[in-house]
Amino acid sequence: MLQQAEEFERTGQNDLAQNILNVALQLLPEAESRIRSRLFIRRGAIAYRLKNTQGALEDFQNAIRLDPELAKEFSGDFSKYYDERCRKATSE
């Protein structure tokens, strides 16, 4: 499901990607914390791009809570999308 969501993301179909991640998080057992953390990171990145900063923050916090080792990856994703957004805003 993660690969399918990533493909939708690559093609700009963020709503579909987000829906797939929502379903994956509902179906995946709580014990799969590392995978769930990655799903939250992806969903948070999409939420951020869709200007849902509160949703993005909640997803990133959930990711870190589930797998503190992924905090570095989280900050990389957040920085990446923040930088993209800033570059886009200054070029317009």
N, C-alpha and C. Protein backbone atom coordinates (compact mmCIF):
# COMPACT_ATOMS: atom_id res chain seq x y z
N MET A 1 0.82 -1.20 0.00
CA MET A 1 0.00 0.00 0.00
C MET A 1 0.87 1.26 0.00
N LEU A 2 2.00 1.20 0.71
CA LEU A 2 2.87 2.36 0.76
C LEU A 2 3.39 2.70 -0.63
N GLN A 3 3.75 1.69 -1.40
CA GLN A 3 4.24 1.94 -2.76
C GLN A 3 3.15 2.57 -3.62
N GLN A 4 1.95 2.11 -3.47
CA GLN A 4 0.84 2.66 -4.24
C GLN A 4 0.61 4.12 -3.85
N ALA A 5 0.67 4.41 -2.57
CA ALA A 5 0.50 5.79 -2.09
C ALA A 5 1.61 6.68 -2.64
N GLU A 6 2.84 6.17 -2.62
CA GLU A 6 3.97 6.94 -3.14
C GLU A 6 3.81 7.22 -4.64
N GLU A 7 3.28 6.27 -5.37
CA GLU A 7 3.05 6.47 -6.81
C GLU A 7 2.00 7.57 -7.03
N PHE A 8 0.94 7.54 -6.25
CA PHE A 8 -0.07 8.60 -6.35
C PHE A 8 0.55 9.96 -6.00
N GLU A 9 1.42 9.95 -4.99
CA GLU A 9 2.10 11.19 -4.60
C GLU A 9 2.95 11.73 -5.76
N ARG A 10 3.70 10.84 -6.38
CA ARG A 10 4.58 11.26 -7.49
C ARG A 10 3.79 11.86 -8.64
N THR A 11 2.57 11.40 -8.82
CA THR A 11 1.76 11.91 -9.94
C THR A 11 0.83 13.05 -9.51
N GLY A 12 1.06 13.56 -8.29
CA GLY A 12 0.29 14.71 -7.83
C GLY A 12 -1.11 14.40 -7.34
N GLN A 13 -1.42 13.13 -7.16
CA GLN A 13 -2.74 12.72 -6.68
C GLN A 13 -2.69 12.53 -5.15
N ASN A 14 -2.43 13.64 -4.48
CA ASN A 14 -2.22 13.60 -3.03
C ASN A 14 -3.42 13.12 -2.25
N ASP A 15 -4.62 13.47 -2.68
CA ASP A 15 -5.82 13.01 -1.98
C ASP A 15 -5.92 11.49 -2.00
N LEU A 16 -5.64 10.89 -3.16
CA LEU A 16 -5.69 9.43 -3.25
C LEU A 16 -4.60 8.79 -2.39
N ALA A 17 -3.42 9.38 -2.42
CA ALA A 17 -2.32 8.87 -1.60
C ALA A 17 -2.69 8.92 -0.12
N GLN A 18 -3.28 10.03 0.28
CA GLN A 18 -3.68 10.19 1.68
C GLN A 18 -4.75 9.17 2.06
N ASN A 19 -5.69 8.93 1.17
CA ASN A 19 -6.73 7.93 1.44
C ASN A 19 -6.14 6.54 1.63
N ILE A 20 -5.19 6.18 0.80
CA ILE A 20 -4.55 4.86 0.92
C ILE A 20 -3.81 4.76 2.25
N LEU A 21 -3.12 5.81 2.63
CA LEU A 21 -2.41 5.79 3.90
C LEU A 21 -3.37 5.71 5.08
N ASN A 22 -4.51 6.37 4.98
CA ASN A 22 -5.53 6.27 6.03
C ASN A 22 -5.99 4.83 6.20
N VAL A 23 -6.26 4.15 5.09
CA VAL A 23 -6.71 2.76 5.14
C VAL A 23 -5.60 1.87 5.70
N ALA A 24 -4.37 2.09 5.24
CA ALA A 24 -3.25 1.29 5.73
C ALA A 24 -3.09 1.43 7.24
N LEU A 25 -3.22 2.64 7.74
CA LEU A 25 -3.09 2.85 9.18
C LEU A 25 -4.22 2.18 9.95
N GLN A 26 -5.40 2.12 9.36
CA GLN A 26 -6.52 1.44 10.02
C GLN A 26 -6.32 -0.07 10.06
N LEU A 27 -5.73 -0.61 9.00
CA LEU A 27 -5.59 -2.06 8.89
C LEU A 27 -4.34 -2.62 9.58
N LEU A 28 -3.30 -1.82 9.66
CA LEU A 28 -2.04 -2.30 10.21
C LEU A 28 -2.11 -2.41 11.73
N PRO A 29 -1.72 -3.56 12.27
CA PRO A 29 -1.77 -3.74 13.72
C PRO A 29 -0.87 -2.74 14.45
N GLU A 30 -1.30 -2.36 15.64
CA GLU A 30 -0.54 -1.41 16.46
C GLU A 30 0.89 -1.89 16.71
N ALA A 31 1.09 -3.20 16.75
CA ALA A 31 2.41 -3.76 17.03
C ALA A 31 3.42 -3.44 15.93
N GLU A 32 2.97 -3.09 14.78
CA GLU A 32 3.86 -2.77 13.65
C GLU A 32 4.27 -1.30 13.71
N SER A 33 4.90 -0.92 14.82
CA SER A 33 5.16 0.50 15.08
C SER A 33 6.10 1.13 14.07
N ARG A 34 7.10 0.43 13.61
CA ARG A 34 8.05 1.02 12.67
C ARG A 34 7.37 1.33 11.33
N ILE A 35 6.58 0.40 10.85
CA ILE A 35 5.86 0.62 9.58
C ILE A 35 4.82 1.71 9.76
N ARG A 36 4.11 1.68 10.86
CA ARG A 36 3.10 2.72 11.13
C ARG A 36 3.76 4.09 11.19
N SER A 37 4.95 4.14 11.77
CA SER A 37 5.67 5.41 11.84
C SER A 37 5.97 5.94 10.44
N ARG A 38 6.40 5.08 9.56
CA ARG A 38 6.68 5.49 8.17
C ARG A 38 5.41 5.97 7.47
N LEU A 39 4.31 5.31 7.74
CA LEU A 39 3.04 5.74 7.14
C LEU A 39 2.65 7.13 7.65
N PHE A 40 2.86 7.36 8.94
CA PHE A 40 2.55 8.69 9.49
C PHE A 40 3.45 9.77 8.87
N ILE A 41 4.71 9.44 8.64
CA ILE A 41 5.61 10.40 8.01
C ILE A 41 5.11 10.76 6.61
N ARG A 42 4.77 9.76 5.83
CA ARG A 42 4.27 10.02 4.47
C ARG A 42 3.00 10.84 4.51
N ARG A 43 2.06 10.42 5.37
CA ARG A 43 0.79 11.13 5.45
C ARG A 43 1.00 12.56 5.94
N GLY A 44 1.91 12.75 6.87
CA GLY A 44 2.22 14.08 7.36
C GLY A 44 2.81 14.97 6.27
N ALA A 45 3.66 14.40 5.45
CA ALA A 45 4.25 15.17 4.35
C ALA A 45 3.18 15.60 3.36
N ILE A 46 2.25 14.71 3.09
CA ILE A 46 1.14 15.05 2.18
C ILE A 46 0.27 16.14 2.81
N ALA A 47 -0.05 15.98 4.08
CA ALA A 47 -0.88 16.98 4.76
C ALA A 47 -0.21 18.35 4.71
N TYR A 48 1.09 18.36 4.90
CA TYR A 48 1.83 19.63 4.87
C TYR A 48 1.72 20.27 3.48
N ARG A 49 1.90 19.46 2.44
CA ARG A 49 1.77 19.99 1.08
C ARG A 49 0.37 20.49 0.79
N LEU A 50 -0.63 19.87 1.42
CA LEU A 50 -2.01 20.30 1.22
C LEU A 50 -2.39 21.44 2.17
N LYS A 51 -1.38 22.01 2.82
CA LYS A 51 -1.55 23.16 3.72
C LYS A 51 -2.34 22.83 4.99
N ASN A 52 -2.33 21.56 5.37
CA ASN A 52 -2.94 21.13 6.62
C ASN A 52 -1.82 20.97 7.64
N THR A 53 -1.32 22.11 8.13
CA THR A 53 -0.16 22.05 9.02
C THR A 53 -0.47 21.37 10.34
N GLN A 54 -1.68 21.51 10.86
CA GLN A 54 -2.05 20.84 12.11
C GLN A 54 -2.03 19.32 11.92
N GLY A 55 -2.62 18.85 10.83
CA GLY A 55 -2.61 17.41 10.54
C GLY A 55 -1.20 16.89 10.34
N ALA A 56 -0.38 17.67 9.65
CA ALA A 56 1.02 17.28 9.42
C ALA A 56 1.76 17.16 10.75
N LEU A 57 1.59 18.15 11.59
CA LEU A 57 2.26 18.13 12.90
C LEU A 57 1.83 16.92 13.72
N GLU A 58 0.55 16.63 13.75
CA GLU A 58 0.06 15.47 14.50
C GLU A 58 0.64 14.17 13.95
N ASP A 59 0.69 14.05 12.61
CA ASP A 59 1.25 12.83 12.02
C ASP A 59 2.73 12.70 12.32
N PHE A 60 3.49 13.79 12.21
CA PHE A 60 4.92 13.73 12.51
C PHE A 60 5.15 13.40 13.99
N GLN A 61 4.33 13.94 14.88
CA GLN A 61 4.46 13.62 16.30
C GLN A 61 4.15 12.15 16.55
N ASN A 62 3.12 11.62 15.88
CA ASN A 62 2.80 10.19 16.01
C ASN A 62 3.95 9.33 15.52
N ALA A 63 4.57 9.73 14.42
CA ALA A 63 5.70 8.97 13.88
C ALA A 63 6.84 8.91 14.88
N ILE A 64 7.15 10.03 15.47
CA ILE A 64 8.26 10.08 16.43
C ILE A 64 7.91 9.30 17.70
N ARG A 65 6.67 9.39 18.13
CA ARG A 65 6.24 8.65 19.33
C ARG A 65 6.39 7.15 19.11
N LEU A 66 6.01 6.69 17.92
CA LEU A 66 6.08 5.26 17.62
C LEU A 66 7.50 4.76 17.40
N ASP A 67 8.34 5.60 16.82
CA ASP A 67 9.71 5.18 16.51
C ASP A 67 10.65 6.37 16.63
N PRO A 68 11.14 6.63 17.84
CA PRO A 68 11.99 7.80 18.06
C PRO A 68 13.23 7.84 17.16
N GLU A 69 13.69 6.69 16.69
CA GLU A 69 14.85 6.64 15.80
C GLU A 69 14.57 7.31 14.46
N LEU A 70 13.31 7.40 14.10
CA LEU A 70 12.96 8.02 12.82
C LEU A 70 12.85 9.54 12.92
N ALA A 71 13.19 10.10 14.06
CA ALA A 71 13.12 11.56 14.22
C ALA A 71 14.01 12.26 13.20
N LYS A 72 15.15 11.67 12.89
CA LYS A 72 16.04 12.28 11.89
C LYS A 72 15.36 12.29 10.53
N GLU A 73 14.71 11.20 10.17
CA GLU A 73 14.01 11.14 8.89
C GLU A 73 12.86 12.14 8.86
N PHE A 74 12.16 12.24 9.97
CA PHE A 74 11.06 13.21 10.07
C PHE A 74 11.56 14.61 9.79
N SER A 75 12.64 15.00 10.46
CA SER A 75 13.12 16.37 10.27
C SER A 75 13.59 16.58 8.85
N GLY A 76 14.12 15.54 8.22
CA GLY A 76 14.52 15.66 6.82
C GLY A 76 13.33 15.88 5.93
N ASP A 77 12.26 15.11 6.12
CA ASP A 77 11.05 15.28 5.32
C ASP A 77 10.45 16.66 5.53
N PHE A 78 10.35 17.07 6.78
CA PHE A 78 9.75 18.36 7.06
C PHE A 78 10.57 19.48 6.42
N SER A 79 11.89 19.40 6.58
CA SER A 79 12.76 20.41 5.99
C SER A 79 12.64 20.43 4.48
N LYS A 80 12.56 19.25 3.90
CA LYS A 80 12.44 19.15 2.44
C LYS A 80 11.18 19.88 1.95
N TYR A 81 10.05 19.61 2.55
CA TYR A 81 8.81 20.22 2.11
C TYR A 81 8.76 21.71 2.47
N TYR A 82 9.35 22.07 3.59
CA TYR A 82 9.40 23.48 3.96
C TYR A 82 10.26 24.23 2.93
N ASP A 83 11.42 23.68 2.60
CA ASP A 83 12.30 24.32 1.63
C ASP A 83 11.63 24.45 0.28
N GLU A 84 10.95 23.38 -0.18
CA GLU A 84 10.26 23.42 -1.47
C GLU A 84 9.23 24.53 -1.47
N ARG A 85 8.49 24.63 -0.39
CA ARG A 85 7.43 25.63 -0.30
C ARG A 85 8.03 27.05 -0.30
N CYS A 86 9.10 27.25 0.41
CA CYS A 86 9.74 28.57 0.46
C CYS A 86 10.30 28.95 -0.91
N ARG A 87 10.95 28.01 -1.59
CA ARG A 87 11.48 28.31 -2.92
C ARG A 87 10.36 28.66 -3.89
N LYS A 88 9.28 27.92 -3.80
CA LYS A 88 8.14 28.17 -4.69
C LYS A 88 7.55 29.56 -4.42
N ALA A 89 7.41 29.91 -3.14
CA ALA A 89 6.83 31.21 -2.78
C ALA A 89 7.71 32.36 -3.24
N THR A 90 9.03 32.20 -3.18
CA THR A 90 9.91 33.30 -3.58
C THR A 90 10.05 33.41 -5.09
N SER A 91 9.78 32.32 -5.81
CA SER A 91 9.90 32.38 -7.27
C SER A 91 8.62 32.90 -7.93
N GLU A 92 7.54 33.00 -7.20
CA GLU A 92 6.26 33.46 -7.78
C GLU A 92 6.16 34.96 -7.81
